[in-house]
Amino acid sequence: MDEWVAHIAASVGIAPAVARLAVGHVFGFLQKRHPKGPADELIEKIPGAEAAIRDAAAAPRRGLLGGVLGGVGGLVGGAKGDVLALTARLTSLGLSPDQLQRLAREIFGGAEQVVGREKLRSMTDSIPGLSQFLWPKS
């Protein structure tokens, strides 16, 4: 996982420690939405992914925006609320909107190589806006 995190960090323009937390947040999000399925398979196939999820969950939330968006995510609930909460966690790491887009492409591009497009799509299709972002021509 260290090589992949280093690649993500370089591509997104963030420190490797931040990239690792971001990956942990995204994987934790997928694991929460798709327990006992392709998300678990993905996480099991990437050494260090479980530790990254634990570290991300234990990381303190920084910034007013992160707290506000996280709280709104809890109020909205469902898939949209989960996406807002994830976005809040990632922005609290200091990621800009452009960096969030690059991060998503890198994480999900790597995930596709690990579990294949069909299983990845089964995880992303239910996430508002993500499927169209990842698979614009499908």
N, C-alpha and C. Protein backbone atom coordinates (compact mmCIF):
# COMPACT_ATOMS: atom_id res chain seq x y z
N MET A 1 0.82 -1.19 0.00
CA MET A 1 0.00 0.00 0.00
C MET A 1 0.87 1.25 0.00
N ASP A 2 2.06 1.17 0.56
CA ASP A 2 2.92 2.35 0.64
C ASP A 2 3.25 2.93 -0.73
N GLU A 3 3.51 2.06 -1.70
CA GLU A 3 3.80 2.54 -3.07
C GLU A 3 2.58 3.24 -3.66
N TRP A 4 1.43 2.65 -3.48
CA TRP A 4 0.19 3.22 -4.02
C TRP A 4 -0.10 4.55 -3.36
N VAL A 5 0.06 4.64 -2.05
CA VAL A 5 -0.17 5.90 -1.33
C VAL A 5 0.82 6.96 -1.80
N ALA A 6 2.07 6.57 -2.02
CA ALA A 6 3.07 7.52 -2.52
C ALA A 6 2.68 8.03 -3.91
N HIS A 7 2.17 7.14 -4.74
CA HIS A 7 1.71 7.55 -6.08
C HIS A 7 0.53 8.52 -5.97
N ILE A 8 -0.43 8.19 -5.11
CA ILE A 8 -1.59 9.07 -4.91
C ILE A 8 -1.13 10.43 -4.41
N ALA A 9 -0.23 10.43 -3.43
CA ALA A 9 0.27 11.69 -2.86
C ALA A 9 0.90 12.56 -3.94
N ALA A 10 1.73 11.96 -4.77
CA ALA A 10 2.40 12.72 -5.84
C ALA A 10 1.39 13.23 -6.86
N SER A 11 0.43 12.40 -7.22
CA SER A 11 -0.57 12.78 -8.23
C SER A 11 -1.49 13.89 -7.73
N VAL A 12 -1.87 13.81 -6.47
CA VAL A 12 -2.82 14.76 -5.90
C VAL A 12 -2.11 16.02 -5.40
N GLY A 13 -0.82 15.89 -5.07
CA GLY A 13 -0.06 17.03 -4.55
C GLY A 13 -0.23 17.20 -3.05
N ILE A 14 -0.22 16.09 -2.33
CA ILE A 14 -0.37 16.11 -0.87
C ILE A 14 0.71 15.23 -0.25
N ALA A 15 0.88 15.36 1.05
CA ALA A 15 1.85 14.54 1.77
C ALA A 15 1.37 13.09 1.82
N PRO A 16 2.30 12.14 1.81
CA PRO A 16 1.89 10.73 1.90
C PRO A 16 1.03 10.41 3.12
N ALA A 17 1.31 11.03 4.25
CA ALA A 17 0.50 10.78 5.45
C ALA A 17 -0.95 11.23 5.24
N VAL A 18 -1.14 12.33 4.54
CA VAL A 18 -2.48 12.82 4.23
C VAL A 18 -3.15 11.89 3.23
N ALA A 19 -2.41 11.44 2.24
CA ALA A 19 -2.97 10.51 1.25
C ALA A 19 -3.41 9.21 1.92
N ARG A 20 -2.63 8.72 2.87
CA ARG A 20 -2.98 7.48 3.57
C ARG A 20 -4.27 7.67 4.37
N LEU A 21 -4.40 8.80 5.05
CA LEU A 21 -5.65 9.07 5.78
C LEU A 21 -6.83 9.17 4.82
N ALA A 22 -6.62 9.83 3.69
CA ALA A 22 -7.70 9.99 2.71
C ALA A 22 -8.14 8.62 2.19
N VAL A 23 -7.18 7.77 1.86
CA VAL A 23 -7.51 6.41 1.41
C VAL A 23 -8.27 5.68 2.52
N GLY A 24 -7.82 5.83 3.74
CA GLY A 24 -8.52 5.19 4.86
C GLY A 24 -9.96 5.67 5.00
N HIS A 25 -10.17 6.97 4.82
CA HIS A 25 -11.54 7.51 4.89
C HIS A 25 -12.41 6.94 3.76
N VAL A 26 -11.87 6.90 2.55
CA VAL A 26 -12.65 6.39 1.41
C VAL A 26 -12.95 4.91 1.59
N PHE A 27 -11.94 4.13 1.97
CA PHE A 27 -12.17 2.71 2.18
C PHE A 27 -13.15 2.46 3.32
N GLY A 28 -13.06 3.26 4.38
CA GLY A 28 -14.01 3.14 5.49
C GLY A 28 -15.43 3.43 5.04
N PHE A 29 -15.57 4.45 4.19
CA PHE A 29 -16.86 4.80 3.61
C PHE A 29 -17.42 3.63 2.80
N LEU A 30 -16.59 3.04 1.95
CA LEU A 30 -17.04 1.91 1.13
C LEU A 30 -17.41 0.72 2.00
N GLN A 31 -16.60 0.47 3.02
CA GLN A 31 -16.85 -0.65 3.92
C GLN A 31 -18.18 -0.46 4.67
N LYS A 32 -18.46 0.75 5.08
CA LYS A 32 -19.71 1.04 5.79
C LYS A 32 -20.91 0.84 4.86
N ARG A 33 -20.79 1.27 3.62
CA ARG A 33 -21.91 1.19 2.67
C ARG A 33 -22.10 -0.21 2.11
N HIS A 34 -21.03 -1.00 2.05
CA HIS A 34 -21.09 -2.32 1.42
C HIS A 34 -20.43 -3.38 2.30
N PRO A 35 -20.94 -3.58 3.50
CA PRO A 35 -20.32 -4.59 4.36
C PRO A 35 -20.52 -5.99 3.79
N LYS A 36 -19.60 -6.83 4.04
CA LYS A 36 -19.67 -8.24 3.62
C LYS A 36 -19.87 -8.37 2.12
N GLY A 37 -19.09 -7.63 1.35
CA GLY A 37 -19.21 -7.70 -0.10
C GLY A 37 -17.92 -7.27 -0.77
N PRO A 38 -18.04 -6.64 -1.93
CA PRO A 38 -16.86 -6.27 -2.69
C PRO A 38 -15.93 -5.30 -1.97
N ALA A 39 -16.46 -4.47 -1.08
CA ALA A 39 -15.59 -3.55 -0.34
C ALA A 39 -14.66 -4.34 0.58
N ASP A 40 -15.18 -5.35 1.25
CA ASP A 40 -14.33 -6.19 2.10
C ASP A 40 -13.28 -6.92 1.27
N GLU A 41 -13.68 -7.38 0.09
CA GLU A 41 -12.72 -8.05 -0.80
C GLU A 41 -11.60 -7.09 -1.19
N LEU A 42 -11.97 -5.88 -1.56
CA LEU A 42 -10.97 -4.87 -1.94
C LEU A 42 -10.01 -4.62 -0.79
N ILE A 43 -10.55 -4.40 0.38
CA ILE A 43 -9.73 -4.07 1.55
C ILE A 43 -8.83 -5.23 1.94
N GLU A 44 -9.35 -6.45 1.85
CA GLU A 44 -8.55 -7.63 2.17
C GLU A 44 -7.38 -7.81 1.20
N LYS A 45 -7.55 -7.40 -0.04
CA LYS A 45 -6.51 -7.59 -1.05
C LYS A 45 -5.41 -6.54 -1.01
N ILE A 46 -5.60 -5.49 -0.23
CA ILE A 46 -4.59 -4.42 -0.15
C ILE A 46 -3.97 -4.44 1.23
N PRO A 47 -2.74 -4.93 1.34
CA PRO A 47 -2.08 -4.95 2.64
C PRO A 47 -1.99 -3.54 3.23
N GLY A 48 -2.39 -3.42 4.47
CA GLY A 48 -2.34 -2.12 5.15
C GLY A 48 -3.62 -1.32 5.06
N ALA A 49 -4.60 -1.79 4.29
CA ALA A 49 -5.85 -1.03 4.12
C ALA A 49 -6.64 -0.96 5.43
N GLU A 50 -6.73 -2.07 6.16
CA GLU A 50 -7.46 -2.06 7.43
C GLU A 50 -6.83 -1.08 8.41
N ALA A 51 -5.51 -1.05 8.47
CA ALA A 51 -4.82 -0.12 9.38
C ALA A 51 -5.09 1.32 8.96
N ALA A 52 -5.13 1.58 7.65
CA ALA A 52 -5.42 2.94 7.17
C ALA A 52 -6.83 3.36 7.56
N ILE A 53 -7.77 2.43 7.51
CA ILE A 53 -9.16 2.73 7.91
C ILE A 53 -9.21 3.05 9.40
N ARG A 54 -8.54 2.25 10.20
CA ARG A 54 -8.52 2.51 11.65
C ARG A 54 -7.88 3.85 11.96
N ASP A 55 -6.76 4.15 11.30
CA ASP A 55 -6.07 5.42 11.54
C ASP A 55 -6.94 6.61 11.13
N ALA A 56 -7.62 6.47 10.00
CA ALA A 56 -8.49 7.56 9.54
C ALA A 56 -9.65 7.78 10.51
N ALA A 57 -10.22 6.69 11.01
CA ALA A 57 -11.34 6.81 11.95
C ALA A 57 -10.90 7.46 13.26
N ALA A 58 -9.66 7.22 13.65
CA ALA A 58 -9.15 7.77 14.91
C ALA A 58 -8.59 9.18 14.76
N ALA A 59 -8.38 9.63 13.53
CA ALA A 59 -7.77 10.95 13.30
C ALA A 59 -8.72 12.05 13.76
N PRO A 60 -8.17 13.07 14.42
CA PRO A 60 -9.02 14.19 14.84
C PRO A 60 -9.55 14.95 13.63
N ARG A 61 -10.77 15.46 13.75
CA ARG A 61 -11.37 16.29 12.70
C ARG A 61 -10.88 17.71 12.88
N ARG A 62 -10.38 18.29 11.80
CA ARG A 62 -9.87 19.66 11.87
C ARG A 62 -10.78 20.58 11.07
N GLY A 63 -10.78 21.83 11.49
CA GLY A 63 -11.44 22.87 10.71
C GLY A 63 -12.93 22.97 10.92
N LEU A 64 -13.41 24.18 10.81
CA LEU A 64 -14.84 24.46 10.97
C LEU A 64 -15.66 23.80 9.87
N LEU A 65 -15.17 23.90 8.62
CA LEU A 65 -15.92 23.34 7.50
C LEU A 65 -16.11 21.84 7.66
N GLY A 66 -15.08 21.14 8.09
CA GLY A 66 -15.19 19.70 8.30
C GLY A 66 -16.26 19.37 9.33
N GLY A 67 -16.30 20.12 10.42
CA GLY A 67 -17.30 19.88 11.45
C GLY A 67 -18.70 20.19 10.98
N VAL A 68 -18.85 21.29 10.26
CA VAL A 68 -20.17 21.70 9.76
C VAL A 68 -20.69 20.70 8.73
N LEU A 69 -19.85 20.36 7.74
CA LEU A 69 -20.30 19.41 6.72
C LEU A 69 -20.56 18.04 7.31
N GLY A 70 -19.73 17.62 8.25
CA GLY A 70 -19.96 16.33 8.89
C GLY A 70 -21.28 16.32 9.63
N GLY A 71 -21.60 17.40 10.33
CA GLY A 71 -22.87 17.50 11.04
C GLY A 71 -24.05 17.52 10.10
N VAL A 72 -23.92 18.25 9.00
CA VAL A 72 -24.99 18.29 8.00
C VAL A 72 -25.18 16.91 7.38
N GLY A 73 -24.07 16.22 7.13
CA GLY A 73 -24.16 14.86 6.60
C GLY A 73 -24.97 13.95 7.50
N GLY A 74 -24.78 14.10 8.80
CA GLY A 74 -25.55 13.30 9.75
C GLY A 74 -27.02 13.64 9.72
N LEU A 75 -27.34 14.91 9.50
CA LEU A 75 -28.74 15.32 9.43
C LEU A 75 -29.42 14.88 8.15
N VAL A 76 -28.67 14.95 7.04
CA VAL A 76 -29.24 14.57 5.75
C VAL A 76 -29.52 13.08 5.71
N GLY A 77 -28.56 12.30 6.18
CA GLY A 77 -28.72 10.85 6.23
C GLY A 77 -28.64 10.20 4.87
N GLY A 78 -28.68 8.89 4.87
CA GLY A 78 -28.64 8.12 3.65
C GLY A 78 -27.37 8.33 2.86
N ALA A 79 -27.43 8.00 1.58
CA ALA A 79 -26.26 8.07 0.71
C ALA A 79 -25.73 9.49 0.60
N LYS A 80 -26.63 10.47 0.45
CA LYS A 80 -26.17 11.86 0.32
C LYS A 80 -25.50 12.33 1.61
N GLY A 81 -26.04 11.95 2.74
CA GLY A 81 -25.44 12.31 4.02
C GLY A 81 -24.08 11.68 4.19
N ASP A 82 -23.96 10.42 3.78
CA ASP A 82 -22.68 9.72 3.87
C ASP A 82 -21.63 10.39 2.98
N VAL A 83 -22.04 10.81 1.78
CA VAL A 83 -21.11 11.48 0.87
C VAL A 83 -20.69 12.82 1.45
N LEU A 84 -21.63 13.57 2.03
CA LEU A 84 -21.29 14.84 2.66
C LEU A 84 -20.31 14.64 3.81
N ALA A 85 -20.55 13.63 4.63
CA ALA A 85 -19.66 13.36 5.76
C ALA A 85 -18.27 12.98 5.26
N LEU A 86 -18.20 12.15 4.22
CA LEU A 86 -16.90 11.78 3.65
C LEU A 86 -16.19 13.01 3.10
N THR A 87 -16.91 13.84 2.37
CA THR A 87 -16.33 15.07 1.82
C THR A 87 -15.81 15.96 2.94
N ALA A 88 -16.55 16.04 4.02
CA ALA A 88 -16.11 16.84 5.17
C ALA A 88 -14.80 16.30 5.74
N ARG A 89 -14.71 14.99 5.86
CA ARG A 89 -13.47 14.40 6.39
C ARG A 89 -12.29 14.69 5.46
N LEU A 90 -12.52 14.59 4.17
CA LEU A 90 -11.43 14.82 3.22
C LEU A 90 -11.04 16.30 3.15
N THR A 91 -12.02 17.19 3.19
CA THR A 91 -11.68 18.61 3.17
C THR A 91 -11.01 19.03 4.47
N SER A 92 -11.33 18.36 5.57
CA SER A 92 -10.67 18.69 6.83
C SER A 92 -9.19 18.30 6.80
N LEU A 93 -8.82 17.45 5.84
CA LEU A 93 -7.41 17.11 5.64
C LEU A 93 -6.70 18.19 4.82
N GLY A 94 -7.47 19.16 4.34
CA GLY A 94 -6.88 20.25 3.57
C GLY A 94 -6.98 20.08 2.06
N LEU A 95 -7.78 19.14 1.58
CA LEU A 95 -7.88 18.91 0.15
C LEU A 95 -8.83 19.91 -0.51
N SER A 96 -8.41 20.42 -1.64
CA SER A 96 -9.23 21.34 -2.43
C SER A 96 -10.20 20.53 -3.31
N PRO A 97 -11.19 21.18 -3.91
CA PRO A 97 -12.09 20.45 -4.81
C PRO A 97 -11.34 19.75 -5.95
N ASP A 98 -10.34 20.40 -6.52
CA ASP A 98 -9.56 19.78 -7.58
C ASP A 98 -8.81 18.56 -7.06
N GLN A 99 -8.25 18.68 -5.87
CA GLN A 99 -7.54 17.55 -5.28
C GLN A 99 -8.50 16.41 -4.95
N LEU A 100 -9.71 16.73 -4.54
CA LEU A 100 -10.70 15.68 -4.27
C LEU A 100 -11.01 14.89 -5.54
N GLN A 101 -11.12 15.57 -6.67
CA GLN A 101 -11.38 14.89 -7.94
C GLN A 101 -10.22 13.98 -8.32
N ARG A 102 -9.00 14.50 -8.20
CA ARG A 102 -7.83 13.68 -8.53
C ARG A 102 -7.71 12.50 -7.57
N LEU A 103 -8.00 12.75 -6.29
CA LEU A 103 -7.95 11.67 -5.30
C LEU A 103 -8.94 10.56 -5.67
N ALA A 104 -10.16 10.93 -6.01
CA ALA A 104 -11.17 9.94 -6.38
C ALA A 104 -10.72 9.12 -7.58
N ARG A 105 -10.21 9.79 -8.59
CA ARG A 105 -9.75 9.06 -9.78
C ARG A 105 -8.62 8.09 -9.45
N GLU A 106 -7.70 8.51 -8.62
CA GLU A 106 -6.58 7.65 -8.25
C GLU A 106 -7.03 6.47 -7.39
N ILE A 107 -7.83 6.74 -6.39
CA ILE A 107 -8.28 5.66 -5.50
C ILE A 107 -9.13 4.65 -6.26
N PHE A 108 -10.11 5.14 -7.00
CA PHE A 108 -11.00 4.21 -7.68
C PHE A 108 -10.34 3.56 -8.89
N GLY A 109 -9.39 4.24 -9.51
CA GLY A 109 -8.61 3.62 -10.58
C GLY A 109 -7.79 2.45 -10.04
N GLY A 110 -7.17 2.65 -8.89
CA GLY A 110 -6.43 1.56 -8.25
C GLY A 110 -7.34 0.44 -7.79
N ALA A 111 -8.49 0.81 -7.24
CA ALA A 111 -9.45 -0.20 -6.78
C ALA A 111 -9.95 -1.05 -7.94
N GLU A 112 -10.12 -0.43 -9.10
CA GLU A 112 -10.57 -1.17 -10.28
C GLU A 112 -9.54 -2.23 -10.66
N GLN A 113 -8.27 -1.90 -10.53
CA GLN A 113 -7.23 -2.88 -10.85
C GLN A 113 -7.23 -4.04 -9.86
N VAL A 114 -7.65 -3.79 -8.65
CA VAL A 114 -7.64 -4.82 -7.61
C VAL A 114 -8.84 -5.76 -7.71
N VAL A 115 -10.05 -5.20 -7.84
CA VAL A 115 -11.26 -6.04 -7.83
C VAL A 115 -11.99 -6.09 -9.17
N GLY A 116 -11.58 -5.30 -10.13
CA GLY A 116 -12.26 -5.30 -11.43
C GLY A 116 -13.37 -4.28 -11.50
N ARG A 117 -13.69 -3.89 -12.72
CA ARG A 117 -14.68 -2.84 -12.94
C ARG A 117 -16.08 -3.24 -12.47
N GLU A 118 -16.47 -4.48 -12.71
CA GLU A 118 -17.83 -4.90 -12.35
C GLU A 118 -18.06 -4.79 -10.84
N LYS A 119 -17.14 -5.28 -10.03
CA LYS A 119 -17.30 -5.20 -8.58
C LYS A 119 -17.20 -3.76 -8.10
N LEU A 120 -16.30 -2.99 -8.70
CA LEU A 120 -16.19 -1.59 -8.31
C LEU A 120 -17.48 -0.84 -8.64
N ARG A 121 -18.03 -1.10 -9.80
CA ARG A 121 -19.30 -0.45 -10.17
C ARG A 121 -20.42 -0.82 -9.21
N SER A 122 -20.41 -2.06 -8.73
CA SER A 122 -21.46 -2.46 -7.78
C SER A 122 -21.36 -1.64 -6.50
N MET A 123 -20.15 -1.15 -6.18
CA MET A 123 -19.98 -0.30 -5.00
C MET A 123 -20.28 1.16 -5.30
N THR A 124 -19.96 1.63 -6.48
CA THR A 124 -20.06 3.07 -6.77
C THR A 124 -21.39 3.49 -7.36
N ASP A 125 -22.12 2.59 -8.00
CA ASP A 125 -23.37 2.98 -8.66
C ASP A 125 -24.40 3.57 -7.71
N SER A 126 -24.36 3.18 -6.45
CA SER A 126 -25.36 3.68 -5.50
C SER A 126 -24.94 4.99 -4.83
N ILE A 127 -23.77 5.50 -5.17
CA ILE A 127 -23.28 6.73 -4.56
C ILE A 127 -23.61 7.89 -5.49
N PRO A 128 -24.46 8.82 -5.04
CA PRO A 128 -24.91 9.91 -5.91
C PRO A 128 -23.76 10.66 -6.58
N GLY A 129 -23.79 10.71 -7.90
CA GLY A 129 -22.83 11.48 -8.67
C GLY A 129 -21.51 10.78 -8.92
N LEU A 130 -21.15 9.79 -8.11
CA LEU A 130 -19.84 9.17 -8.26
C LEU A 130 -19.76 8.30 -9.51
N SER A 131 -20.80 7.56 -9.77
CA SER A 131 -20.78 6.68 -10.93
C SER A 131 -20.60 7.48 -12.23
N GLN A 132 -21.31 8.60 -12.36
CA GLN A 132 -21.19 9.42 -13.57
C GLN A 132 -19.80 10.05 -13.66
N PHE A 133 -19.21 10.37 -12.52
CA PHE A 133 -17.87 10.94 -12.49
C PHE A 133 -16.82 9.92 -12.91
N LEU A 134 -16.95 8.68 -12.41
CA LEU A 134 -15.97 7.65 -12.71
C LEU A 134 -16.16 7.02 -14.08
N TRP A 135 -17.39 6.88 -14.49
CA TRP A 135 -17.70 6.17 -15.75
C TRP A 135 -18.51 7.08 -16.68
N PRO A 136 -17.98 8.22 -17.09
CA PRO A 136 -18.77 9.19 -17.85
C PRO A 136 -19.29 8.67 -19.19
N LYS A 137 -18.62 7.70 -19.78
CA LYS A 137 -19.01 7.25 -21.12
C LYS A 137 -19.72 5.90 -21.08
N SER A 138 -20.02 5.42 -19.88
CA SER A 138 -20.66 4.11 -19.78
C SER A 138 -22.16 4.21 -19.92
